[in-house]
Protein backbone atom coordinates (compact mmCIF):
# COMPACT_ATOMS: atom_id res chain seq x y z
CA MET A 1 -17.72 -85.68 -21.94
CA THR A 2 -19.55 -87.22 -24.91
CA GLU A 3 -17.41 -87.81 -28.00
CA ARG A 4 -18.57 -85.64 -30.87
CA ARG A 5 -20.09 -87.61 -33.72
CA PRO A 6 -18.05 -87.18 -36.91
CA ILE A 7 -19.68 -85.67 -39.98
CA ARG A 8 -20.38 -88.43 -42.49
CA SER A 9 -20.19 -87.97 -46.26
CA TYR A 10 -23.05 -90.41 -46.74
CA VAL A 11 -26.42 -91.46 -45.38
CA LEU A 12 -27.15 -95.17 -45.36
CA ARG A 13 -30.04 -95.70 -47.72
CA GLN A 14 -32.77 -98.05 -46.57
CA GLY A 15 -33.18 -99.69 -49.97
CA ARG A 16 -34.10 -103.35 -49.82
CA MET A 17 -31.50 -105.89 -50.82
CA SER A 18 -32.68 -108.31 -53.48
CA PRO A 19 -32.30 -112.06 -52.92
CA ALA A 20 -29.54 -112.13 -55.57
CA GLN A 21 -27.67 -109.29 -53.88
CA GLN A 22 -28.00 -110.97 -50.48
CA ARG A 23 -26.72 -114.21 -51.95
CA GLY A 24 -23.82 -112.34 -53.53
CA LEU A 25 -23.00 -110.82 -50.15
CA ASP A 26 -23.31 -114.08 -48.23
CA GLU A 27 -21.40 -116.22 -50.70
CA GLY A 28 -18.93 -113.67 -52.07
CA TRP A 29 -17.74 -111.95 -48.91
CA PRO A 30 -15.55 -114.82 -47.66
CA ARG A 31 -13.69 -114.78 -50.99
CA TRP A 32 -13.51 -111.09 -51.93
CA GLY A 33 -14.34 -109.20 -48.73
CA ILE A 34 -11.94 -107.53 -46.30
CA ASP A 35 -13.39 -106.68 -42.90
CA PHE A 36 -12.65 -103.32 -41.33
CA ASP A 37 -10.34 -103.65 -38.33
CA ALA A 38 -8.68 -100.54 -36.92
CA ASN A 39 -6.14 -102.79 -35.21
CA MET A 40 -5.02 -104.38 -38.48
CA LEU A 41 -2.64 -102.48 -40.77
CA LEU A 42 -3.33 -102.88 -44.47
CA ASP A 43 0.21 -102.47 -45.75
CA ALA A 44 1.78 -103.85 -48.93
CA HIS A 45 2.43 -107.24 -47.33
CA ALA A 46 -1.11 -107.63 -45.97
CA LEU A 47 -2.69 -106.57 -49.28
CA ALA A 48 -0.50 -109.01 -51.22
CA GLN A 49 -1.83 -111.75 -48.96
CA HIS A 50 -5.44 -110.70 -49.61
CA PHE A 51 -4.92 -110.54 -53.38
CA GLY A 52 -2.52 -113.46 -53.60
CA ARG A 53 0.05 -111.39 -55.48
CA HIS A 54 1.95 -108.11 -55.67
CA ALA A 55 0.58 -105.78 -58.37
CA PRO A 56 -0.20 -102.09 -58.90
CA LEU A 57 -3.09 -101.15 -56.62
CA VAL A 58 -5.99 -98.75 -57.20
CA MET A 59 -8.48 -97.89 -54.48
CA GLU A 60 -11.99 -97.02 -55.69
CA ILE A 61 -14.20 -95.10 -53.28
CA GLY A 62 -17.93 -95.41 -53.92
CA PHE A 63 -18.61 -97.99 -56.65
CA GLY A 64 -22.42 -97.87 -56.82
CA MET A 65 -23.65 -101.19 -58.17
CA GLY A 66 -20.18 -102.20 -59.32
CA GLU A 67 -20.51 -102.06 -63.11
CA GLY A 68 -17.57 -99.70 -63.53
CA THR A 69 -15.40 -101.63 -61.09
CA VAL A 70 -15.92 -104.85 -63.02
CA THR A 71 -15.16 -103.14 -66.35
CA MET A 72 -11.91 -101.59 -65.10
CA ALA A 73 -10.80 -104.83 -63.46
CA GLN A 74 -11.38 -106.70 -66.71
CA GLN A 75 -9.55 -104.04 -68.72
CA ARG A 76 -6.52 -104.18 -66.43
CA PRO A 77 -6.12 -107.75 -65.11
CA ASP A 78 -2.52 -106.90 -64.19
CA TRP A 79 -3.73 -104.31 -61.63
CA ASN A 80 -5.39 -104.93 -58.27
CA TYR A 81 -8.51 -102.97 -57.23
CA LEU A 82 -9.61 -102.29 -53.66
CA ALA A 83 -13.27 -101.23 -53.86
CA LEU A 84 -14.94 -99.40 -50.94
CA ASP A 85 -18.62 -98.64 -50.38
CA VAL A 86 -21.04 -98.59 -47.46
CA HIS A 87 -24.31 -99.56 -49.12
CA GLY A 88 -25.31 -103.21 -48.77
CA PRO A 89 -27.23 -103.66 -52.04
CA GLY A 90 -24.30 -102.25 -54.03
CA VAL A 91 -21.78 -104.44 -52.22
CA GLY A 92 -23.95 -107.50 -52.82
CA SER A 93 -24.35 -106.53 -56.47
CA LEU A 94 -20.59 -106.15 -57.00
CA LEU A 95 -19.82 -109.45 -55.28
CA LYS A 96 -22.40 -111.16 -57.49
CA LYS A 97 -20.81 -109.66 -60.60
CA LEU A 98 -17.31 -110.72 -59.52
CA GLU A 99 -18.52 -114.30 -59.18
CA GLU A 100 -20.31 -114.28 -62.53
CA ALA A 101 -17.30 -112.83 -64.37
CA ALA A 102 -14.74 -114.95 -62.46
CA ILE A 103 -12.77 -111.82 -61.56
CA THR A 104 -9.83 -112.34 -59.20
CA ASN A 105 -8.18 -108.90 -59.01
CA VAL A 106 -10.81 -107.08 -56.89
CA ARG A 107 -11.25 -107.00 -53.12
CA VAL A 108 -14.17 -105.26 -51.41
CA MET A 109 -14.58 -103.36 -48.15
CA ARG A 110 -17.97 -102.30 -46.75
CA HIS A 111 -17.01 -99.38 -44.55
CA ASP A 112 -16.55 -95.62 -44.41
CA ALA A 113 -13.61 -94.75 -46.68
CA VAL A 114 -12.44 -91.96 -44.36
CA GLU A 115 -12.01 -94.40 -41.48
CA VAL A 116 -10.35 -97.00 -43.70
CA VAL A 117 -7.79 -94.46 -44.94
CA GLU A 118 -7.14 -92.82 -41.59
CA ARG A 119 -7.15 -95.87 -39.33
CA MET A 120 -6.21 -98.89 -41.41
CA LEU A 121 -4.39 -98.10 -44.65
CA GLY A 122 -0.59 -98.07 -44.75
CA SER A 123 1.56 -95.28 -46.20
CA GLU A 124 2.69 -95.22 -49.85
CA ILE A 125 0.84 -98.35 -50.94
CA LEU A 126 -1.58 -97.02 -53.58
CA ASP A 127 -0.76 -96.44 -57.23
CA GLY A 128 -4.05 -94.66 -57.73
CA VAL A 129 -7.30 -93.53 -56.11
CA HIS A 130 -10.62 -93.19 -57.95
CA VAL A 131 -13.51 -91.13 -56.58
CA PHE A 132 -16.12 -91.04 -59.32
CA PHE A 133 -19.36 -89.10 -58.78
CA PRO A 134 -19.44 -88.91 -55.00
CA ASP A 135 -22.63 -87.58 -53.41
CA PRO A 136 -22.66 -83.86 -54.35
CA TRP A 137 -24.68 -82.75 -51.32
CA PRO A 138 -26.00 -79.84 -53.42
CA LYS A 139 -27.54 -77.74 -50.64
CA LEU A 140 -25.11 -75.19 -49.24
CA ARG A 141 -25.75 -76.20 -45.64
CA HIS A 142 -24.75 -79.77 -46.53
CA HIS A 143 -21.45 -78.94 -48.25
CA LYS A 144 -19.63 -79.91 -45.06
CA ARG A 145 -20.69 -83.49 -45.78
CA ARG A 146 -18.88 -83.63 -49.12
CA LEU A 147 -16.17 -86.27 -49.21
CA ILE A 148 -13.53 -84.20 -50.98
CA GLN A 149 -12.27 -81.99 -48.18
CA THR A 150 -8.73 -80.89 -47.32
CA PRO A 151 -8.11 -83.31 -44.40
CA PHE A 152 -9.24 -86.35 -46.37
CA VAL A 153 -7.25 -85.48 -49.48
CA HIS A 154 -4.18 -84.93 -47.30
CA ALA A 155 -4.71 -88.41 -45.82
CA LEU A 156 -5.01 -89.88 -49.32
CA VAL A 157 -1.70 -88.32 -50.33
CA ARG A 158 -0.02 -90.17 -47.47
CA CYS A 159 -1.29 -93.45 -48.89
CA LEU A 160 -0.18 -92.73 -52.47
CA LYS A 161 3.14 -93.95 -53.80
CA PRO A 162 5.47 -91.20 -55.09
CA ASP A 163 4.12 -91.71 -58.62
CA GLY A 164 0.53 -92.29 -57.49
CA TYR A 165 -2.46 -90.40 -58.85
CA LEU A 166 -5.83 -89.17 -57.60
CA HIS A 167 -8.66 -89.12 -60.14
CA LEU A 168 -11.92 -87.36 -59.29
CA ALA A 169 -15.05 -86.94 -61.38
CA THR A 170 -18.33 -85.12 -60.78
CA ASP A 171 -21.28 -83.79 -62.76
CA TRP A 172 -21.88 -80.89 -60.35
CA GLU A 173 -20.00 -77.76 -61.42
CA ASP A 174 -19.72 -76.18 -57.98
CA TYR A 175 -18.41 -79.46 -56.55
CA ALA A 176 -15.87 -79.59 -59.38
CA GLN A 177 -14.76 -76.10 -58.39
CA GLN A 178 -14.44 -77.20 -54.76
CA MET A 179 -12.45 -80.27 -55.81
CA HIS A 180 -10.16 -78.06 -57.90
CA ALA A 181 -9.59 -75.69 -54.97
CA VAL A 182 -8.85 -78.53 -52.53
CA LEU A 183 -6.40 -80.25 -54.87
CA SER A 184 -4.73 -76.96 -55.80
CA ALA A 185 -4.08 -76.20 -52.13
CA GLU A 186 -2.62 -79.64 -51.38
CA THR A 187 1.17 -79.22 -51.52
CA GLY A 188 1.69 -82.94 -52.00
CA LEU A 189 -0.20 -82.98 -55.31
CA ALA A 190 0.26 -81.48 -58.77
CA PHE A 191 -2.31 -81.53 -61.59
CA ILE A 192 -1.22 -83.51 -64.63
CA ASP A 193 -2.71 -80.71 -66.73
CA PRO A 194 -2.09 -77.08 -65.73
CA LYS A 195 -5.83 -76.38 -65.87
CA GLY A 196 -6.58 -79.29 -63.55
CA TYR A 197 -9.41 -80.66 -65.67
CA VAL A 198 -8.91 -83.42 -68.23
CA SER A 199 -11.12 -85.24 -70.72
CA ARG A 200 -12.60 -88.52 -69.59
CA PRO A 201 -10.00 -91.19 -70.40
CA ASP A 202 -11.15 -94.18 -72.43
CA TRP A 203 -10.49 -96.55 -69.54
CA ARG A 204 -12.96 -94.80 -67.21
CA PRO A 205 -16.37 -96.38 -67.83
CA LEU A 206 -19.38 -94.18 -68.47
CA THR A 207 -21.36 -94.69 -65.26
CA ARG A 208 -25.13 -94.65 -64.97
CA PHE A 209 -24.83 -91.63 -62.67
CA GLU A 210 -22.83 -89.84 -65.35
CA SER A 211 -25.33 -90.76 -68.04
CA ARG A 212 -28.17 -89.52 -65.86
CA GLY A 213 -26.41 -86.21 -65.28
CA MET A 214 -25.69 -85.77 -68.97
CA ASN A 215 -29.37 -86.44 -69.73
CA LEU A 216 -30.25 -83.66 -67.29
CA GLY A 217 -27.91 -81.32 -69.13
CA HIS A 218 -25.12 -81.42 -66.55
CA GLY A 219 -21.50 -81.12 -67.57
CA VAL A 220 -18.92 -83.65 -66.37
CA TRP A 221 -15.57 -82.67 -64.88
CA ASP A 222 -12.60 -85.02 -64.44
CA LEU A 223 -9.61 -83.90 -62.38
CA VAL A 224 -6.36 -85.84 -62.10
CA ALA A 225 -3.45 -84.98 -59.82
CA ARG A 226 -0.42 -86.96 -58.74
CA ARG A 227 2.16 -86.98 -56.00
CA ARG A 228 4.35 -83.92 -56.42
CA ASP A 229 7.52 -85.62 -55.18
CA ALA A 230 7.97 -87.61 -58.40
CA GLU A 231 9.26 -86.65 -61.84
CA PRO A 232 6.40 -85.41 -64.07
CA VAL A 233 4.85 -87.98 -66.38
CA ALA A 234 2.23 -87.57 -69.08
CA GLU A 235 -1.35 -88.80 -68.75
CA GLY A 236 -1.56 -92.41 -69.88
CA GLN A 237 2.02 -93.17 -68.83
CA LYS A 238 3.46 -94.49 -65.57
CA GLY A 239 1.08 -94.48 -62.63
CA ILE A 240 -2.08 -93.73 -64.64
CA PRO A 241 -3.85 -96.52 -66.55
CA SER A 242 -3.85 -96.04 -70.28
């Protein structure tokens, strides 16, 4: 019996990699890259070895060309950032930027985030997860491809520490509603605001995708939830960068 192909939340774009991006990938990967290996557990000990220290850890899923990742890493040098994306030009671009800015608190994985979380990532190791402007898959028949689905969010909760947070952002209203419904139904999470939606915090960079959406007249929705099995804390306090 043939194994059923899983539904992917992305399609690999065939965009050409520039010479600078290729150089960033070739030269930067040995220093900042972590290869996917389903037989290797990324637990707190393994991640401390990759980063060279123990520190609060945020996983960013889908970083585009890496501008926001670099900004957040520079704003919070005392935090570690694990950045995941599948698109080669973006990975090369981020690695190039890390070299140029001499950033040491970012590590990069070029692989499907769902597989990384489900097959490689240890339990209760993340202080936060960022998913900013994932592909909205706007056509109804493609909604099954959207990343924010109940099984994946449940898997993310397993990886969060008891005071860990999940921060989502989108400029598609119906996707924001879907995100809200999925997070509301997850018993391991509680919104930090009763409404679910929050204003964009100062530490979250304004991405080019966000700017493009705003220019098209789209709204922007941020949602932040945290592990329910911890004492409530206010936004900007423990577990959420201020």
